[in-house]
Amino acid sequence: MKAVIDGAVVAEAPQEDLVRIEGNWYFPPSSIVDGALAESPTPYTCPWKGACQYYDITAGEQRVPDGAWAYPDLLPGAVERVGRDFAGYVAFAPGVQIID
């Protein structure tokens, strides 16, 4: 599967390597294109996943502020709830196409 902005791929991995949580596909960190993400200072904490790290996405001429996020340090119970470790996996906001 691919995460795409304006035809530019920002992440790519086989579907079996992704994790689906609350309607979002989470891509493994190794699938992210080098230089596509830059940490954002936007704060957020999910009550069951933990502290979130937002990222600004850059792809070609396109920049999407807070267009991606990950949970680098999961709260106890998050892995059990999802059934798989997803620490550091990256999900994308609307506007980023997720395609097969």
N, C-alpha and C. Protein backbone atom coordinates (compact mmCIF):
# COMPACT_ATOMS: atom_id res chain seq x y z
N MET A 1 0.85 -1.18 0.00
CA MET A 1 0.00 0.00 0.00
C MET A 1 0.89 1.23 0.00
N LYS A 2 0.32 2.34 -0.44
CA LYS A 2 1.08 3.58 -0.55
C LYS A 2 0.30 4.74 0.06
N ALA A 3 1.05 5.67 0.65
CA ALA A 3 0.50 6.96 1.05
C ALA A 3 1.02 7.95 0.03
N VAL A 4 0.11 8.68 -0.63
CA VAL A 4 0.46 9.51 -1.77
C VAL A 4 -0.12 10.92 -1.63
N ILE A 5 0.71 11.92 -1.98
CA ILE A 5 0.26 13.32 -2.04
C ILE A 5 0.65 13.85 -3.41
N ASP A 6 -0.33 14.35 -4.15
CA ASP A 6 -0.07 14.92 -5.48
C ASP A 6 0.80 14.01 -6.34
N GLY A 7 0.55 12.71 -6.27
CA GLY A 7 1.30 11.75 -7.07
C GLY A 7 2.64 11.34 -6.49
N ALA A 8 3.07 11.98 -5.41
CA ALA A 8 4.35 11.64 -4.77
C ALA A 8 4.11 10.65 -3.64
N VAL A 9 4.83 9.55 -3.67
CA VAL A 9 4.71 8.52 -2.62
C VAL A 9 5.51 8.97 -1.40
N VAL A 10 4.86 8.97 -0.22
CA VAL A 10 5.55 9.33 1.02
C VAL A 10 5.75 8.13 1.94
N ALA A 11 5.04 7.03 1.65
CA ALA A 11 5.21 5.77 2.39
C ALA A 11 4.73 4.62 1.52
N GLU A 12 5.41 3.48 1.64
CA GLU A 12 5.01 2.31 0.87
C GLU A 12 5.41 1.04 1.60
N ALA A 13 4.45 0.13 1.76
CA ALA A 13 4.69 -1.15 2.43
C ALA A 13 3.59 -2.13 2.05
N PRO A 14 3.87 -3.44 2.13
CA PRO A 14 2.81 -4.43 1.91
C PRO A 14 1.72 -4.27 2.98
N GLN A 15 0.48 -4.51 2.60
CA GLN A 15 -0.64 -4.34 3.52
C GLN A 15 -0.46 -5.14 4.80
N GLU A 16 0.14 -6.33 4.71
CA GLU A 16 0.32 -7.16 5.91
C GLU A 16 1.29 -6.53 6.92
N ASP A 17 2.07 -5.55 6.49
CA ASP A 17 2.98 -4.86 7.41
C ASP A 17 2.33 -3.65 8.09
N LEU A 18 1.15 -3.24 7.60
CA LEU A 18 0.44 -2.10 8.16
C LEU A 18 -0.48 -2.55 9.29
N VAL A 19 -0.89 -1.59 10.10
CA VAL A 19 -1.83 -1.85 11.18
C VAL A 19 -3.03 -0.92 10.99
N ARG A 20 -4.24 -1.45 11.09
CA ARG A 20 -5.46 -0.64 10.93
C ARG A 20 -6.02 -0.35 12.31
N ILE A 21 -6.11 0.95 12.64
CA ILE A 21 -6.62 1.36 13.95
C ILE A 21 -7.61 2.50 13.74
N GLU A 22 -8.81 2.32 14.24
CA GLU A 22 -9.84 3.36 14.20
C GLU A 22 -10.00 3.97 12.81
N GLY A 23 -9.96 3.12 11.78
CA GLY A 23 -10.17 3.58 10.41
C GLY A 23 -8.94 4.13 9.71
N ASN A 24 -7.79 4.17 10.39
CA ASN A 24 -6.56 4.68 9.80
C ASN A 24 -5.55 3.55 9.58
N TRP A 25 -4.85 3.61 8.46
CA TRP A 25 -3.74 2.69 8.20
C TRP A 25 -2.48 3.28 8.80
N TYR A 26 -1.79 2.52 9.61
CA TYR A 26 -0.51 2.92 10.21
C TYR A 26 0.61 2.18 9.49
N PHE A 27 1.54 2.96 8.92
CA PHE A 27 2.66 2.42 8.16
C PHE A 27 3.87 2.24 9.07
N PRO A 28 4.64 1.16 8.88
CA PRO A 28 5.85 0.98 9.68
C PRO A 28 6.85 2.11 9.41
N PRO A 29 7.62 2.50 10.42
CA PRO A 29 8.58 3.60 10.24
C PRO A 29 9.53 3.39 9.07
N SER A 30 9.92 2.15 8.81
CA SER A 30 10.85 1.86 7.72
C SER A 30 10.25 2.11 6.33
N SER A 31 8.94 2.28 6.25
CA SER A 31 8.28 2.48 4.96
C SER A 31 8.19 3.95 4.55
N ILE A 32 8.57 4.85 5.44
CA ILE A 32 8.45 6.28 5.18
C ILE A 32 9.62 6.74 4.30
N VAL A 33 9.32 7.50 3.26
CA VAL A 33 10.34 8.03 2.36
C VAL A 33 11.22 9.03 3.13
N ASP A 34 12.52 8.89 2.99
CA ASP A 34 13.46 9.79 3.66
C ASP A 34 13.15 11.24 3.32
N GLY A 35 13.09 12.08 4.36
CA GLY A 35 12.86 13.50 4.18
C GLY A 35 11.41 13.91 4.02
N ALA A 36 10.48 12.95 4.00
CA ALA A 36 9.06 13.28 3.80
C ALA A 36 8.41 13.87 5.04
N LEU A 37 8.92 13.51 6.23
CA LEU A 37 8.29 13.96 7.47
C LEU A 37 9.25 14.80 8.30
N ALA A 38 8.70 15.84 8.92
CA ALA A 38 9.45 16.66 9.87
C ALA A 38 8.59 16.82 11.11
N GLU A 39 9.18 16.62 12.28
CA GLU A 39 8.42 16.71 13.52
C GLU A 39 7.74 18.06 13.66
N SER A 40 6.51 18.02 14.14
CA SER A 40 5.71 19.21 14.40
C SER A 40 5.61 19.39 15.92
N PRO A 41 5.47 20.63 16.38
CA PRO A 41 5.34 20.85 17.82
C PRO A 41 3.91 20.67 18.35
N THR A 42 2.97 20.33 17.48
CA THR A 42 1.57 20.20 17.90
C THR A 42 1.42 19.11 18.95
N PRO A 43 0.86 19.45 20.12
CA PRO A 43 0.70 18.45 21.19
C PRO A 43 -0.64 17.71 21.10
N TYR A 44 -0.62 16.46 21.48
CA TYR A 44 -1.85 15.67 21.63
C TYR A 44 -1.49 14.42 22.40
N THR A 45 -2.40 13.98 23.25
CA THR A 45 -2.24 12.71 23.96
C THR A 45 -3.54 11.94 23.86
N CYS A 46 -3.46 10.74 23.32
CA CYS A 46 -4.62 9.85 23.24
C CYS A 46 -4.77 9.15 24.59
N PRO A 47 -5.98 9.05 25.10
CA PRO A 47 -6.16 8.44 26.42
C PRO A 47 -5.76 6.96 26.50
N TRP A 48 -5.72 6.25 25.36
CA TRP A 48 -5.33 4.84 25.44
C TRP A 48 -4.06 4.51 24.66
N LYS A 49 -3.62 5.39 23.74
CA LYS A 49 -2.38 5.14 23.00
C LYS A 49 -1.19 5.86 23.62
N GLY A 50 -1.41 7.07 24.14
CA GLY A 50 -0.31 7.83 24.75
C GLY A 50 -0.02 9.12 24.01
N ALA A 51 1.18 9.66 24.25
CA ALA A 51 1.59 10.92 23.63
C ALA A 51 1.80 10.72 22.14
N CYS A 52 1.25 11.65 21.37
CA CYS A 52 1.32 11.59 19.92
C CYS A 52 2.42 12.51 19.42
N GLN A 53 3.09 12.08 18.37
CA GLN A 53 4.04 12.95 17.65
C GLN A 53 3.44 13.26 16.29
N TYR A 54 3.13 14.53 16.06
CA TYR A 54 2.65 14.96 14.74
C TYR A 54 3.84 15.27 13.84
N TYR A 55 3.60 15.16 12.53
CA TYR A 55 4.62 15.46 11.53
C TYR A 55 4.03 16.33 10.43
N ASP A 56 4.83 17.26 9.93
CA ASP A 56 4.51 17.98 8.71
C ASP A 56 5.05 17.12 7.57
N ILE A 57 4.28 17.03 6.48
CA ILE A 57 4.67 16.23 5.34
C ILE A 57 5.12 17.16 4.22
N THR A 58 6.22 16.80 3.57
CA THR A 58 6.67 17.51 2.37
C THR A 58 6.82 16.49 1.25
N ALA A 59 6.15 16.78 0.13
CA ALA A 59 6.22 15.91 -1.05
C ALA A 59 6.21 16.80 -2.28
N GLY A 60 7.33 16.91 -2.94
CA GLY A 60 7.42 17.81 -4.08
C GLY A 60 7.21 19.23 -3.62
N GLU A 61 6.28 19.93 -4.24
CA GLU A 61 5.95 21.31 -3.86
C GLU A 61 4.89 21.38 -2.76
N GLN A 62 4.32 20.26 -2.42
CA GLN A 62 3.22 20.20 -1.45
C GLN A 62 3.75 20.06 -0.03
N ARG A 63 3.18 20.86 0.90
CA ARG A 63 3.49 20.73 2.32
C ARG A 63 2.17 20.61 3.07
N VAL A 64 2.06 19.60 3.92
CA VAL A 64 0.85 19.36 4.70
C VAL A 64 1.20 19.44 6.18
N PRO A 65 0.89 20.56 6.84
CA PRO A 65 1.17 20.68 8.28
C PRO A 65 0.36 19.65 9.08
N ASP A 66 1.01 19.00 10.01
CA ASP A 66 0.36 18.00 10.87
C ASP A 66 -0.38 16.94 10.05
N GLY A 67 0.18 16.58 8.91
CA GLY A 67 -0.46 15.63 8.02
C GLY A 67 -0.24 14.17 8.35
N ALA A 68 0.60 13.93 9.36
CA ALA A 68 0.88 12.55 9.77
C ALA A 68 1.12 12.53 11.28
N TRP A 69 0.95 11.35 11.87
CA TRP A 69 1.18 11.23 13.31
C TRP A 69 1.59 9.81 13.67
N ALA A 70 2.21 9.69 14.83
CA ALA A 70 2.64 8.39 15.34
C ALA A 70 2.61 8.44 16.86
N TYR A 71 2.65 7.27 17.46
CA TYR A 71 2.73 7.13 18.91
C TYR A 71 4.02 6.38 19.22
N PRO A 72 5.10 7.12 19.51
CA PRO A 72 6.40 6.47 19.70
C PRO A 72 6.50 5.63 20.97
N ASP A 73 5.82 6.05 22.04
CA ASP A 73 5.86 5.33 23.32
C ASP A 73 4.44 5.02 23.75
N LEU A 74 4.01 3.81 23.50
CA LEU A 74 2.63 3.41 23.77
C LEU A 74 2.36 3.23 25.26
N LEU A 75 1.14 3.55 25.65
CA LEU A 75 0.72 3.30 27.03
C LEU A 75 0.51 1.80 27.25
N PRO A 76 0.66 1.34 28.50
CA PRO A 76 0.36 -0.06 28.80
C PRO A 76 -1.07 -0.41 28.36
N GLY A 77 -1.20 -1.53 27.72
CA GLY A 77 -2.50 -2.00 27.26
C GLY A 77 -2.81 -1.67 25.81
N ALA A 78 -2.08 -0.73 25.20
CA ALA A 78 -2.37 -0.33 23.81
C ALA A 78 -2.08 -1.48 22.84
N VAL A 79 -0.97 -2.17 23.03
CA VAL A 79 -0.61 -3.28 22.13
C VAL A 79 -1.65 -4.39 22.25
N GLU A 80 -2.05 -4.69 23.47
CA GLU A 80 -3.05 -5.74 23.68
C GLU A 80 -4.39 -5.35 23.04
N ARG A 81 -4.74 -4.08 23.13
CA ARG A 81 -6.01 -3.61 22.56
C ARG A 81 -6.03 -3.77 21.03
N VAL A 82 -4.89 -3.50 20.39
CA VAL A 82 -4.79 -3.57 18.93
C VAL A 82 -4.41 -4.98 18.47
N GLY A 83 -3.69 -5.71 19.31
CA GLY A 83 -3.26 -7.06 18.95
C GLY A 83 -1.91 -7.10 18.26
N ARG A 84 -1.22 -5.96 18.25
CA ARG A 84 0.07 -5.87 17.57
C ARG A 84 0.79 -4.60 18.02
N ASP A 85 2.10 -4.67 18.13
CA ASP A 85 2.88 -3.49 18.51
C ASP A 85 2.90 -2.51 17.34
N PHE A 86 2.48 -1.29 17.59
CA PHE A 86 2.46 -0.27 16.54
C PHE A 86 3.23 0.99 16.96
N ALA A 87 4.12 0.85 17.92
CA ALA A 87 4.92 1.99 18.37
C ALA A 87 5.72 2.57 17.21
N GLY A 88 5.58 3.86 16.98
CA GLY A 88 6.31 4.54 15.91
C GLY A 88 5.68 4.42 14.53
N TYR A 89 4.65 3.62 14.38
CA TYR A 89 3.98 3.50 13.08
C TYR A 89 3.29 4.82 12.76
N VAL A 90 3.23 5.17 11.48
CA VAL A 90 2.77 6.49 11.05
C VAL A 90 1.44 6.38 10.31
N ALA A 91 0.47 7.21 10.74
CA ALA A 91 -0.82 7.33 10.06
C ALA A 91 -0.89 8.69 9.38
N PHE A 92 -1.80 8.81 8.42
CA PHE A 92 -1.89 10.03 7.62
C PHE A 92 -3.28 10.64 7.67
N ALA A 93 -3.32 11.97 7.62
CA ALA A 93 -4.56 12.73 7.70
C ALA A 93 -5.30 12.69 6.36
N PRO A 94 -6.58 13.06 6.38
CA PRO A 94 -7.31 13.20 5.10
C PRO A 94 -6.55 14.16 4.19
N GLY A 95 -6.60 13.89 2.92
CA GLY A 95 -5.81 14.67 1.96
C GLY A 95 -4.62 13.88 1.47
N VAL A 96 -4.21 12.89 2.26
CA VAL A 96 -3.17 11.95 1.83
C VAL A 96 -3.90 10.70 1.38
N GLN A 97 -3.72 10.35 0.12
CA GLN A 97 -4.39 9.16 -0.42
C GLN A 97 -3.68 7.91 0.06
N ILE A 98 -4.47 6.94 0.50
CA ILE A 98 -3.94 5.61 0.81
C ILE A 98 -4.48 4.69 -0.28
N ILE A 99 -3.55 4.14 -1.07
CA ILE A 99 -3.96 3.31 -2.20
C ILE A 99 -3.26 1.95 -2.14
N ASP A 100 -3.88 0.97 -2.83
CA ASP A 100 -3.29 -0.38 -2.92
C ASP A 100 -2.12 -0.39 -3.86
